[in-house]
Amino acid sequence: MQTVEPRIAAEPALLDMRGAGALLGLSYWRMYSLVRNRELSVVEIGGKFYFRRATLLKWCERAEHKVRS
């Protein structure tokens, strides 16, 4: 019988403010501003903000503007 080891996700389920900013190419303070203005959804744990990667990517898609040529 073959033993199956549990898989550990290569990417964390939640990103902190700096990790989310790095993913989006935004500064910590710009991320904070987006949270404060309720433009981004967060998971708050112990007074700190965390972001789901999928939520950030969806937000990016919604915020994307097509450039007219």
PDB file of N, CA and C in Angstrom:
ATOM      1  N   MET A   1       0.846  -1.181   0.000  1.00  0.00           N
ATOM      2  CA  MET A   1       0.000   0.000   0.000  1.00  0.00           C
ATOM      3  C   MET A   1       0.889   1.242   0.000  1.00  0.00           C
ATOM      4  N   GLN A   2       0.573   2.164  -0.883  1.00  0.00           N
ATOM      5  CA  GLN A   2       1.372   3.373  -1.023  1.00  0.00           C
ATOM      6  C   GLN A   2       0.917   4.432  -0.027  1.00  0.00           C
ATOM      7  N   THR A   3       1.888   5.096   0.602  1.00  0.00           N
ATOM      8  CA  THR A   3       1.584   6.152   1.559  1.00  0.00           C
ATOM      9  C   THR A   3       1.424   7.472   0.819  1.00  0.00           C
ATOM     10  N   VAL A   4       0.373   8.191   1.139  1.00  0.00           N
ATOM     11  CA  VAL A   4       0.125   9.498   0.528  1.00  0.00           C
ATOM     12  C   VAL A   4       0.414  10.565   1.566  1.00  0.00           C
ATOM     13  N   GLU A   5       1.347  11.451   1.227  1.00  0.00           N
ATOM     14  CA  GLU A   5       1.683  12.537   2.146  1.00  0.00           C
ATOM     15  C   GLU A   5       0.800  13.736   1.848  1.00  0.00           C
ATOM     16  N   PRO A   6       0.387  14.465   2.887  1.00  0.00           N
ATOM     17  CA  PRO A   6      -0.445  15.652   2.649  1.00  0.00           C
ATOM     18  C   PRO A   6       0.332  16.695   1.847  1.00  0.00           C
ATOM     19  N   ARG A   7      -0.379  17.363   0.965  1.00  0.00           N
ATOM     20  CA  ARG A   7       0.251  18.408   0.152  1.00  0.00           C
ATOM     21  C   ARG A   7       0.192  19.743   0.888  1.00  0.00           C
ATOM     22  N   ILE A   8       1.273  20.444   0.806  1.00  0.00           N
ATOM     23  CA  ILE A   8       1.325  21.794   1.374  1.00  0.00           C
ATOM     24  C   ILE A   8       1.300  22.762   0.205  1.00  0.00           C
ATOM     25  N   ALA A   9       0.420  23.737   0.288  1.00  0.00           N
ATOM     26  CA  ALA A   9       0.276  24.705  -0.807  1.00  0.00           C
ATOM     27  C   ALA A   9       1.587  25.448  -1.034  1.00  0.00           C
ATOM     28  N   ALA A  10       1.968  25.572  -2.294  1.00  0.00           N
ATOM     29  CA  ALA A  10       3.186  26.304  -2.635  1.00  0.00           C
ATOM     30  C   ALA A  10       3.013  27.793  -2.353  1.00  0.00           C
ATOM     31  N   GLU A  11       1.799  28.276  -2.478  1.00  0.00           N
ATOM     32  CA  GLU A  11       1.507  29.676  -2.208  1.00  0.00           C
ATOM     33  C   GLU A  11       0.593  29.753  -1.003  1.00  0.00           C
ATOM     34  N   PRO A  12       0.842  30.696  -0.100  1.00  0.00           N
ATOM     35  CA  PRO A  12      -0.026  30.812   1.077  1.00  0.00           C
ATOM     36  C   PRO A  12      -1.440  31.226   0.690  1.00  0.00           C
ATOM     37  N   ALA A  13      -2.404  30.784   1.480  1.00  0.00           N
ATOM     38  CA  ALA A  13      -3.806  31.128   1.223  1.00  0.00           C
ATOM     39  C   ALA A  13      -4.060  32.615   1.456  1.00  0.00           C
ATOM     40  N   LEU A  14      -3.341  33.194   2.410  1.00  0.00           N
ATOM     41  CA  LEU A  14      -3.514  34.612   2.736  1.00  0.00           C
ATOM     42  C   LEU A  14      -2.195  35.351   2.600  1.00  0.00           C
ATOM     43  N   LEU A  15      -2.283  36.582   2.137  1.00  0.00           N
ATOM     44  CA  LEU A  15      -1.109  37.451   2.036  1.00  0.00           C
ATOM     45  C   LEU A  15      -1.260  38.611   3.007  1.00  0.00           C
ATOM     46  N   ASP A  16      -0.159  39.011   3.631  1.00  0.00           N
ATOM     47  CA  ASP A  16      -0.225  40.192   4.494  1.00  0.00           C
ATOM     48  C   ASP A  16      -0.181  41.439   3.610  1.00  0.00           C
ATOM     49  N   MET A  17      -0.204  42.599   4.236  1.00  0.00           N
ATOM     50  CA  MET A  17      -0.275  43.862   3.501  1.00  0.00           C
ATOM     51  C   MET A  17       0.904  44.013   2.535  1.00  0.00           C
ATOM     52  N   ARG A  18       2.095  43.686   2.982  1.00  0.00           N
ATOM     53  CA  ARG A  18       3.280  43.829   2.129  1.00  0.00           C
ATOM     54  C   ARG A  18       3.281  42.799   0.997  1.00  0.00           C
ATOM     55  N   GLY A  19       2.878  41.570   1.299  1.00  0.00           N
ATOM     56  CA  GLY A  19       2.813  40.535   0.275  1.00  0.00           C
ATOM     57  C   GLY A  19       1.780  40.861  -0.786  1.00  0.00           C
ATOM     58  N   ALA A  20       0.633  41.379  -0.356  1.00  0.00           N
ATOM     59  CA  ALA A  20      -0.419  41.770  -1.298  1.00  0.00           C
ATOM     60  C   ALA A  20       0.057  42.926  -2.170  1.00  0.00           C
ATOM     61  N   GLY A  21       0.735  43.876  -1.539  1.00  0.00           N
ATOM     62  CA  GLY A  21       1.275  45.006  -2.292  1.00  0.00           C
ATOM     63  C   GLY A  21       2.303  44.552  -3.321  1.00  0.00           C
ATOM     64  N   ALA A  22       3.137  43.606  -2.941  1.00  0.00           N
ATOM     65  CA  ALA A  22       4.148  43.076  -3.856  1.00  0.00           C
ATOM     66  C   ALA A  22       3.477  42.375  -5.039  1.00  0.00           C
ATOM     67  N   LEU A  23       2.421  41.632  -4.773  1.00  0.00           N
ATOM     68  CA  LEU A  23       1.692  40.942  -5.835  1.00  0.00           C
ATOM     69  C   LEU A  23       1.112  41.934  -6.839  1.00  0.00           C
ATOM     70  N   LEU A  24       0.572  43.040  -6.330  1.00  0.00           N
ATOM     71  CA  LEU A  24      -0.078  44.034  -7.185  1.00  0.00           C
ATOM     72  C   LEU A  24       0.852  45.142  -7.663  1.00  0.00           C
ATOM     73  N   GLY A  25       2.065  45.190  -7.106  1.00  0.00           N
ATOM     74  CA  GLY A  25       2.992  46.259  -7.477  1.00  0.00           C
ATOM     75  C   GLY A  25       2.646  47.580  -6.824  1.00  0.00           C
ATOM     76  N   LEU A  26       2.033  47.509  -5.632  1.00  0.00           N
ATOM     77  CA  LEU A  26       1.618  48.714  -4.905  1.00  0.00           C
ATOM     78  C   LEU A  26       2.348  48.799  -3.574  1.00  0.00           C
ATOM     79  N   SER A  27       2.511  50.007  -3.059  1.00  0.00           N
ATOM     80  CA  SER A  27       3.184  50.197  -1.780  1.00  0.00           C
ATOM     81  C   SER A  27       2.287  49.775  -0.620  1.00  0.00           C
ATOM     82  N   TYR A  28       2.898  49.597   0.531  1.00  0.00           N
ATOM     83  CA  TYR A  28       2.169  49.284   1.760  1.00  0.00           C
ATOM     84  C   TYR A  28       1.104  50.351   2.016  1.00  0.00           C
ATOM     85  N   TRP A  29       1.496  51.607   1.864  1.00  0.00           N
ATOM     86  CA  TRP A  29       0.571  52.703   2.184  1.00  0.00           C
ATOM     87  C   TRP A  29      -0.575  52.802   1.191  1.00  0.00           C
ATOM     88  N   ARG A  30      -0.319  52.476  -0.067  1.00  0.00           N
ATOM     89  CA  ARG A  30      -1.414  52.467  -1.055  1.00  0.00           C
ATOM     90  C   ARG A  30      -2.387  51.338  -0.725  1.00  0.00           C
ATOM     91  N   MET A  31      -1.861  50.192  -0.317  1.00  0.00           N
ATOM     92  CA  MET A  31      -2.719  49.073   0.089  1.00  0.00           C
ATOM     93  C   MET A  31      -3.567  49.489   1.292  1.00  0.00           C
ATOM     94  N   TYR A  32      -2.934  50.136   2.254  1.00  0.00           N
ATOM     95  CA  TYR A  32      -3.650  50.584   3.447  1.00  0.00           C
ATOM     96  C   TYR A  32      -4.777  51.538   3.067  1.00  0.00           C
ATOM     97  N   SER A  33      -4.489  52.443   2.129  1.00  0.00           N
ATOM     98  CA  SER A  33      -5.491  53.399   1.665  1.00  0.00           C
ATOM     99  C   SER A  33      -6.667  52.679   1.006  1.00  0.00           C
ATOM    100  N   LEU A  34      -6.402  51.668   0.199  1.00  0.00           N
ATOM    101  CA  LEU A  34      -7.470  50.909  -0.458  1.00  0.00           C
ATOM    102  C   LEU A  34      -8.348  50.191   0.562  1.00  0.00           C
ATOM    103  N   VAL A  35      -7.731  49.691   1.627  1.00  0.00           N
ATOM    104  CA  VAL A  35      -8.497  49.025   2.691  1.00  0.00           C
ATOM    105  C   VAL A  35      -9.328  50.054   3.450  1.00  0.00           C
ATOM    106  N   ARG A  36      -8.701  51.158   3.815  1.00  0.00           N
ATOM    107  CA  ARG A  36      -9.380  52.201   4.585  1.00  0.00           C
ATOM    108  C   ARG A  36     -10.585  52.749   3.828  1.00  0.00           C
ATOM    109  N   ASN A  37     -10.448  52.863   2.505  1.00  0.00           N
ATOM    110  CA  ASN A  37     -11.543  53.369   1.664  1.00  0.00           C
ATOM    111  C   ASN A  37     -12.511  52.273   1.231  1.00  0.00           C
ATOM    112  N   ARG A  38     -12.334  51.094   1.783  1.00  0.00           N
ATOM    113  CA  ARG A  38     -13.192  49.923   1.505  1.00  0.00           C
ATOM    114  C   ARG A  38     -13.230  49.550   0.030  1.00  0.00           C
ATOM    115  N   GLU A  39     -12.095  49.729  -0.649  1.00  0.00           N
ATOM    116  CA  GLU A  39     -12.002  49.333  -2.050  1.00  0.00           C
ATOM    117  C   GLU A  39     -11.539  47.888  -2.188  1.00  0.00           C
ATOM    118  N   LEU A  40     -10.933  47.350  -1.135  1.00  0.00           N
ATOM    119  CA  LEU A  40     -10.463  45.967  -1.107  1.00  0.00           C
ATOM    120  C   LEU A  40     -11.029  45.249   0.104  1.00  0.00           C
ATOM    121  N   SER A  41     -11.435  44.017  -0.080  1.00  0.00           N
ATOM    122  CA  SER A  41     -11.916  43.197   1.035  1.00  0.00           C
ATOM    123  C   SER A  41     -10.729  42.578   1.756  1.00  0.00           C
ATOM    124  N   VAL A  42     -10.822  42.481   3.063  1.00  0.00           N
ATOM    125  CA  VAL A  42      -9.732  41.912   3.857  1.00  0.00           C
ATOM    126  C   VAL A  42     -10.257  40.852   4.813  1.00  0.00           C
ATOM    127  N   VAL A  43      -9.320  40.050   5.297  1.00  0.00           N
ATOM    128  CA  VAL A  43      -9.569  39.134   6.401  1.00  0.00           C
ATOM    129  C   VAL A  43      -8.783  39.730   7.563  1.00  0.00           C
ATOM    130  N   GLU A  44      -9.466  40.071   8.643  1.00  0.00           N
ATOM    131  CA  GLU A  44      -8.772  40.680   9.779  1.00  0.00           C
ATOM    132  C   GLU A  44      -8.549  39.619  10.849  1.00  0.00           C
ATOM    133  N   ILE A  45      -7.291  39.417  11.192  1.00  0.00           N
ATOM    134  CA  ILE A  45      -6.917  38.441  12.222  1.00  0.00           C
ATOM    135  C   ILE A  45      -5.983  39.133  13.199  1.00  0.00           C
ATOM    136  N   GLY A  46      -6.384  39.191  14.444  1.00  0.00           N
ATOM    137  CA  GLY A  46      -5.538  39.802  15.464  1.00  0.00           C
ATOM    138  C   GLY A  46      -5.180  41.242  15.181  1.00  0.00           C
ATOM    139  N   GLY A  47      -6.094  41.986  14.574  1.00  0.00           N
ATOM    140  CA  GLY A  47      -5.845  43.392  14.293  1.00  0.00           C
ATOM    141  C   GLY A  47      -4.995  43.632  13.051  1.00  0.00           C
ATOM    142  N   LYS A  48      -4.633  42.573  12.340  1.00  0.00           N
ATOM    143  CA  LYS A  48      -3.841  42.717  11.121  1.00  0.00           C
ATOM    144  C   LYS A  48      -4.684  42.331   9.918  1.00  0.00           C
ATOM    145  N   PHE A  49      -4.396  42.958   8.788  1.00  0.00           N
ATOM    146  CA  PHE A  49      -5.149  42.704   7.568  1.00  0.00           C
ATOM    147  C   PHE A  49      -4.440  41.677   6.693  1.00  0.00           C
ATOM    148  N   TYR A  50      -5.223  40.754   6.172  1.00  0.00           N
ATOM    149  CA  TYR A  50      -4.725  39.745   5.238  1.00  0.00           C
ATOM    150  C   TYR A  50      -5.657  39.709   4.035  1.00  0.00           C
ATOM    151  N   PHE A  51      -5.119  39.264   2.910  1.00  0.00           N
ATOM    152  CA  PHE A  51      -5.853  39.252   1.654  1.00  0.00           C
ATOM    153  C   PHE A  51      -5.803  37.874   1.023  1.00  0.00           C
ATOM    154  N   ARG A  52      -6.925  37.456   0.444  1.00  0.00           N
ATOM    155  CA  ARG A  52      -6.943  36.237  -0.347  1.00  0.00           C
ATOM    156  C   ARG A  52      -6.398  36.571  -1.729  1.00  0.00           C
ATOM    157  N   ARG A  53      -5.494  35.750  -2.227  1.00  0.00           N
ATOM    158  CA  ARG A  53      -4.877  35.974  -3.533  1.00  0.00           C
ATOM    159  C   ARG A  53      -5.943  36.101  -4.631  1.00  0.00           C
ATOM    160  N   ALA A  54      -6.941  35.210  -4.602  1.00  0.00           N
ATOM    161  CA  ALA A  54      -8.001  35.228  -5.619  1.00  0.00           C
ATOM    162  C   ALA A  54      -8.773  36.546  -5.592  1.00  0.00           C
ATOM    163  N   THR A  55      -9.029  37.066  -4.397  1.00  0.00           N
ATOM    164  CA  THR A  55      -9.745  38.339  -4.260  1.00  0.00           C
ATOM    165  C   THR A  55      -8.939  39.479  -4.879  1.00  0.00           C
ATOM    166  N   LEU A  56      -7.630  39.477  -4.645  1.00  0.00           N
ATOM    167  CA  LEU A  56      -6.773  40.523  -5.202  1.00  0.00           C
ATOM    168  C   LEU A  56      -6.759  40.470  -6.733  1.00  0.00           C
ATOM    169  N   LEU A  57      -6.679  39.273  -7.281  1.00  0.00           N
ATOM    170  CA  LEU A  57      -6.646  39.137  -8.736  1.00  0.00           C
ATOM    171  C   LEU A  57      -7.972  39.540  -9.368  1.00  0.00           C
ATOM    172  N   LYS A  58      -9.090  39.223  -8.699  1.00  0.00           N
ATOM    173  CA  LYS A  58     -10.406  39.643  -9.200  1.00  0.00           C
ATOM    174  C   LYS A  58     -10.527  41.161  -9.153  1.00  0.00           C
ATOM    175  N   TRP A  59     -10.045  41.771  -8.073  1.00  0.00           N
ATOM    176  CA  TRP A  59     -10.078  43.222  -7.939  1.00  0.00           C
ATOM    177  C   TRP A  59      -9.283  43.857  -9.081  1.00  0.00           C
ATOM    178  N   CYS A  60      -8.145  43.272  -9.392  1.00  0.00           N
ATOM    179  CA  CYS A  60      -7.295  43.773 -10.466  1.00  0.00           C
ATOM    180  C   CYS A  60      -8.018  43.711 -11.803  1.00  0.00           C
ATOM    181  N   GLU A  61      -8.707  42.615 -12.052  1.00  0.00           N
ATOM    182  CA  GLU A  61      -9.453  42.469 -13.298  1.00  0.00           C
ATOM    183  C   GLU A  61     -10.558  43.520 -13.410  1.00  0.00           C
ATOM    184  N   ARG A  62     -11.264  43.770 -12.306  1.00  0.00           N
ATOM    185  CA  ARG A  62     -12.332  44.772 -12.318  1.00  0.00           C
ATOM    186  C   ARG A  62     -11.773  46.183 -12.504  1.00  0.00           C
ATOM    187  N   ALA A  63     -10.582  46.429 -11.970  1.00  0.00           N
ATOM    188  CA  ALA A  63      -9.984  47.769 -12.024  1.00  0.00           C
ATOM    189  C   ALA A  63      -9.298  48.045 -13.364  1.00  0.00           C
ATOM    190  N   GLU A  64      -9.099  47.004 -14.145  1.00  0.00           N
ATOM    191  CA  GLU A  64      -8.388  47.162 -15.412  1.00  0.00           C
ATOM    192  C   GLU A  64      -9.221  47.965 -16.405  1.00  0.00           C
ATOM    193  N   HIS A  65      -8.574  48.924 -17.037  1.00  0.00           N
ATOM    194  CA  HIS A  65      -9.231  49.752 -18.044  1.00  0.00           C
ATOM    195  C   HIS A  65      -8.603  49.461 -19.402  1.00  0.00           C
ATOM    196  N   LYS A  66      -9.438  49.377 -20.392  1.00  0.00           N
ATOM    197  CA  LYS A  66      -8.918  49.183 -21.740  1.00  0.00           C
ATOM    198  C   LYS A  66      -8.527  50.543 -22.301  1.00  0.00           C
ATOM    199  N   VAL A  67      -7.366  50.582 -22.920  1.00  0.00           N
ATOM    200  CA  VAL A  67      -6.871  51.813 -23.526  1.00  0.00           C
ATOM    201  C   VAL A  67      -7.371  51.878 -24.951  1.00  0.00           C
ATOM    202  N   ARG A  68      -7.965  52.991 -25.273  1.00  0.00           N
ATOM    203  CA  ARG A  68      -8.455  53.173 -26.651  1.00  0.00           C
ATOM    204  C   ARG A  68      -7.299  53.568 -27.558  1.00  0.00           C
ATOM    205  N   SER A  69      -7.277  53.013 -28.758  1.00  0.00           N
ATOM    206  CA  SER A  69      -6.206  53.385 -29.686  1.00  0.00           C
ATOM    207  C   SER A  69      -6.692  54.350 -30.735  1.00  0.00           C
TER     208      SER A  69
END
